[in-house]
Amino acid sequence: MKILLTLLLFTFANLVAADKYNIDTKGAHAFVQFKISHLGYSWLYGRFDEFSGEFEFDETSPEKASIQMTVQTASVNSNHTARDKHLRGDDFLNVEKYPTATFISKSFIPGENGHGTMVGDLTINGVTNEETLKVEFTGAGNDPWGGFRRGYEATTKITLKDYNIKKSLGPASEKLLLTVTVEGIKQ
């Protein structure tokens, strides 16, 4: 009987799916931002205003965490109309040909205090490369509306030429820091 009970519990534990979270983009609690050196003299900051996604997380098996996101590349916003038009062109994002950028995770290596490392495929400008993101757990808990939320911030540096971005502003501007902040609402 004890063996049967153990087997049933083990089977049930493996059938329980990870919790799914929709990324709260409409509530302005998620951001896709970037930072890049401008000629080595200053920093250029920007963001993408339109994106969607979801992630899964199971507290008993954090190594199974996953995320997928889609960014509308034409929503790039660097707070400068002429520059944004240039960023949308074929020197950079080529938004007419590639209207979306995506990230689909492949693995998560948990660290301490909910932090970890996420590896996945990042597709920008029609080019897909595997990237590693440093993930920091921000927090989780019940919200005032009866839901449950979980938040993370992930960062990585990408090399622009790896994504077929033609325009170069010199050695100080070869890499871009990408920061993704998400707050997910449990479904």
Protein backbone atom coordinates (compact mmCIF):
# COMPACT_ATOMS: atom_id res chain seq x y z
CA MET A 1 0.00 0.00 0.00
CA LYS A 2 2.81 2.43 0.90
CA ILE A 3 4.50 1.79 -2.45
CA LEU A 4 1.24 2.35 -4.32
CA LEU A 5 0.60 5.62 -2.46
CA THR A 6 4.16 6.82 -3.19
CA LEU A 7 3.75 5.93 -6.87
CA LEU A 8 0.42 7.77 -7.09
CA LEU A 9 1.84 10.88 -5.41
CA PHE A 10 4.87 10.85 -7.70
CA THR A 11 2.64 10.49 -10.77
CA PHE A 12 0.33 13.29 -9.61
CA ALA A 13 3.28 15.59 -8.91
CA ASN A 14 4.54 15.08 -12.45
CA LEU A 15 1.09 15.77 -13.95
CA VAL A 16 0.72 19.14 -12.23
CA ALA A 17 1.49 21.78 -14.82
CA ALA A 18 3.53 24.88 -14.21
CA ASP A 19 1.60 28.05 -13.48
CA LYS A 20 1.05 30.21 -16.56
CA TYR A 21 1.43 33.99 -16.38
CA ASN A 22 0.36 36.54 -18.98
CA ILE A 23 2.73 39.46 -19.13
CA ASP A 24 0.92 42.60 -17.96
CA THR A 25 1.70 44.91 -20.88
CA LYS A 26 -1.60 46.84 -20.81
CA GLY A 27 -1.12 47.79 -17.18
CA ALA A 28 2.30 49.29 -17.92
CA HIS A 29 4.07 46.83 -15.63
CA ALA A 30 6.39 45.40 -18.26
CA PHE A 31 9.12 47.03 -20.32
CA VAL A 32 11.48 46.15 -23.16
CA GLN A 33 14.28 48.71 -23.04
CA PHE A 34 17.73 49.17 -24.52
CA LYS A 35 20.84 51.22 -23.87
CA ILE A 36 23.74 51.76 -26.26
CA SER A 37 26.73 54.04 -26.34
CA HIS A 38 26.50 56.94 -28.77
CA LEU A 39 29.99 57.28 -30.24
CA GLY A 40 31.47 56.63 -26.80
CA TYR A 41 30.35 60.07 -25.60
CA SER A 42 26.91 59.47 -24.13
CA TRP A 43 24.17 56.87 -23.73
CA LEU A 44 21.17 56.44 -25.97
CA TYR A 45 18.16 54.89 -24.25
CA GLY A 46 15.08 53.51 -25.94
CA ARG A 47 12.21 51.10 -25.60
CA PHE A 48 9.63 49.16 -27.53
CA ASP A 49 6.09 50.23 -26.74
CA GLU A 50 4.21 47.20 -28.13
CA PHE A 51 4.91 43.60 -27.13
CA SER A 52 3.20 40.55 -25.71
CA GLY A 53 4.13 37.30 -24.07
CA GLU A 54 3.70 34.77 -21.34
CA PHE A 55 5.83 32.72 -19.02
CA GLU A 56 5.49 29.56 -16.99
CA PHE A 57 6.88 28.92 -13.55
CA ASP A 58 6.58 26.05 -11.10
CA GLU A 59 8.00 26.71 -7.64
CA THR A 60 8.69 22.99 -7.15
CA SER A 61 10.63 22.76 -10.45
CA PRO A 62 12.09 26.22 -11.21
CA GLU A 63 14.44 24.70 -13.81
CA LYS A 64 11.36 24.18 -16.02
CA ALA A 65 10.62 27.92 -16.20
CA SER A 66 10.02 29.25 -19.70
CA ILE A 67 9.08 32.47 -21.46
CA GLN A 68 8.13 33.59 -24.92
CA MET A 69 7.79 37.20 -26.05
CA THR A 70 7.00 38.98 -29.29
CA VAL A 71 7.96 42.63 -29.84
CA GLN A 72 6.48 44.85 -32.55
CA THR A 73 9.67 46.40 -33.90
CA ALA A 74 7.92 49.45 -35.42
CA SER A 75 7.06 50.49 -31.85
CA VAL A 76 10.69 51.47 -31.18
CA ASN A 77 10.79 54.72 -29.22
CA SER A 78 14.01 56.59 -28.48
CA ASN A 79 12.23 59.88 -27.75
CA HIS A 80 13.41 61.36 -31.07
CA THR A 81 11.13 61.13 -34.14
CA ALA A 82 13.84 61.34 -36.83
CA ARG A 83 16.06 58.80 -35.06
CA ASP A 84 13.14 56.41 -34.59
CA LYS A 85 12.40 56.60 -38.32
CA HIS A 86 16.05 55.71 -39.00
CA LEU A 87 15.93 52.84 -36.46
CA ARG A 88 12.89 51.42 -38.29
CA GLY A 89 14.75 51.46 -41.63
CA ASP A 90 16.98 48.82 -43.18
CA ASP A 91 20.16 50.18 -41.53
CA PHE A 92 18.81 48.85 -38.22
CA LEU A 93 15.53 46.95 -37.63
CA ASN A 94 14.11 46.79 -41.16
CA VAL A 95 10.58 46.77 -39.74
CA GLU A 96 8.80 46.52 -43.09
CA LYS A 97 10.47 43.17 -43.79
CA TYR A 98 10.71 42.01 -40.14
CA PRO A 99 7.81 43.51 -38.16
CA THR A 100 8.48 41.41 -35.05
CA ALA A 101 11.36 40.35 -32.85
CA THR A 102 10.95 37.29 -30.63
CA PHE A 103 12.53 35.53 -27.68
CA ILE A 104 11.75 31.88 -26.97
CA SER A 105 13.49 30.31 -23.99
CA LYS A 106 15.21 26.93 -24.17
CA SER A 107 16.43 26.44 -20.61
CA PHE A 108 16.57 28.06 -17.19
CA ILE A 109 19.31 27.50 -14.63
CA PRO A 110 18.02 28.53 -11.19
CA GLY A 111 20.28 30.43 -8.83
CA GLU A 112 19.81 31.75 -5.34
CA ASN A 113 16.76 33.73 -4.16
CA GLY A 114 14.77 33.11 -7.37
CA HIS A 115 17.46 34.55 -9.65
CA GLY A 116 18.99 32.54 -12.46
CA THR A 117 20.14 32.31 -16.06
CA MET A 118 17.77 31.97 -19.03
CA VAL A 119 19.02 30.70 -22.39
CA GLY A 120 16.92 31.08 -25.49
CA ASP A 121 16.61 32.04 -29.13
CA LEU A 122 16.45 35.76 -29.86
CA THR A 123 15.30 36.72 -33.36
CA ILE A 124 15.87 40.27 -34.57
CA ASN A 125 15.98 41.50 -38.17
CA GLY A 126 15.31 37.96 -39.43
CA VAL A 127 18.38 36.52 -37.66
CA THR A 128 18.16 34.06 -34.76
CA ASN A 129 20.94 33.62 -32.22
CA GLU A 130 21.11 31.90 -28.88
CA GLU A 131 21.45 34.44 -26.07
CA THR A 132 21.97 34.11 -22.31
CA LEU A 133 20.06 36.44 -20.00
CA LYS A 134 20.81 37.19 -16.37
CA VAL A 135 17.45 36.92 -14.57
CA GLU A 136 16.64 38.65 -11.29
CA PHE A 137 13.51 37.74 -9.36
CA THR A 138 11.71 40.91 -8.29
CA GLY A 139 8.89 39.48 -6.22
CA ALA A 140 5.61 37.57 -6.14
CA GLY A 141 2.35 37.70 -4.26
CA ASN A 142 -1.34 38.47 -4.21
CA ASP A 143 -2.52 41.69 -5.81
CA PRO A 144 -5.39 43.92 -4.54
CA TRP A 145 -7.79 42.53 -7.19
CA GLY A 146 -7.68 38.88 -6.12
CA GLY A 147 -4.97 37.78 -8.54
CA PHE A 148 -1.43 36.53 -8.10
CA ARG A 149 1.57 38.21 -9.73
CA ARG A 150 5.23 37.36 -10.25
CA GLY A 151 7.92 39.75 -11.51
CA TYR A 152 11.39 39.45 -13.07
CA GLU A 153 14.02 41.55 -14.77
CA ALA A 154 16.37 40.05 -17.36
CA THR A 155 19.42 41.62 -19.02
CA THR A 156 21.81 40.66 -21.77
CA LYS A 157 24.28 42.35 -24.08
CA ILE A 158 23.88 41.65 -27.78
CA THR A 159 26.29 42.38 -30.61
CA LEU A 160 24.48 44.35 -33.33
CA LYS A 161 26.33 42.85 -36.29
CA ASP A 162 25.21 39.38 -35.13
CA TYR A 163 21.68 40.48 -36.08
CA ASN A 164 22.55 41.84 -39.53
CA ILE A 165 22.33 45.44 -38.35
CA LYS A 166 24.26 47.35 -41.00
CA LYS A 167 24.86 50.72 -39.37
CA SER A 168 27.93 51.02 -37.16
CA LEU A 169 28.71 53.98 -34.96
CA GLY A 170 32.15 52.67 -34.07
CA PRO A 171 33.68 50.30 -31.50
CA ALA A 172 31.94 51.84 -28.49
CA SER A 173 28.55 51.14 -30.09
CA GLU A 174 28.96 47.52 -31.16
CA LYS A 175 26.99 46.09 -28.23
CA LEU A 176 23.57 46.96 -26.91
CA LEU A 177 22.30 46.31 -23.38
CA LEU A 178 18.80 44.84 -23.54
CA THR A 179 16.64 44.92 -20.39
CA VAL A 180 13.28 43.16 -20.14
CA THR A 181 11.12 43.74 -17.06
CA VAL A 182 7.98 41.65 -16.72
CA GLU A 183 5.16 41.35 -14.27
CA GLY A 184 3.03 38.31 -14.97
CA ILE A 185 -0.55 37.72 -13.87
CA LYS A 186 -1.27 34.08 -13.01
CA GLN A 187 -3.95 32.55 -15.24
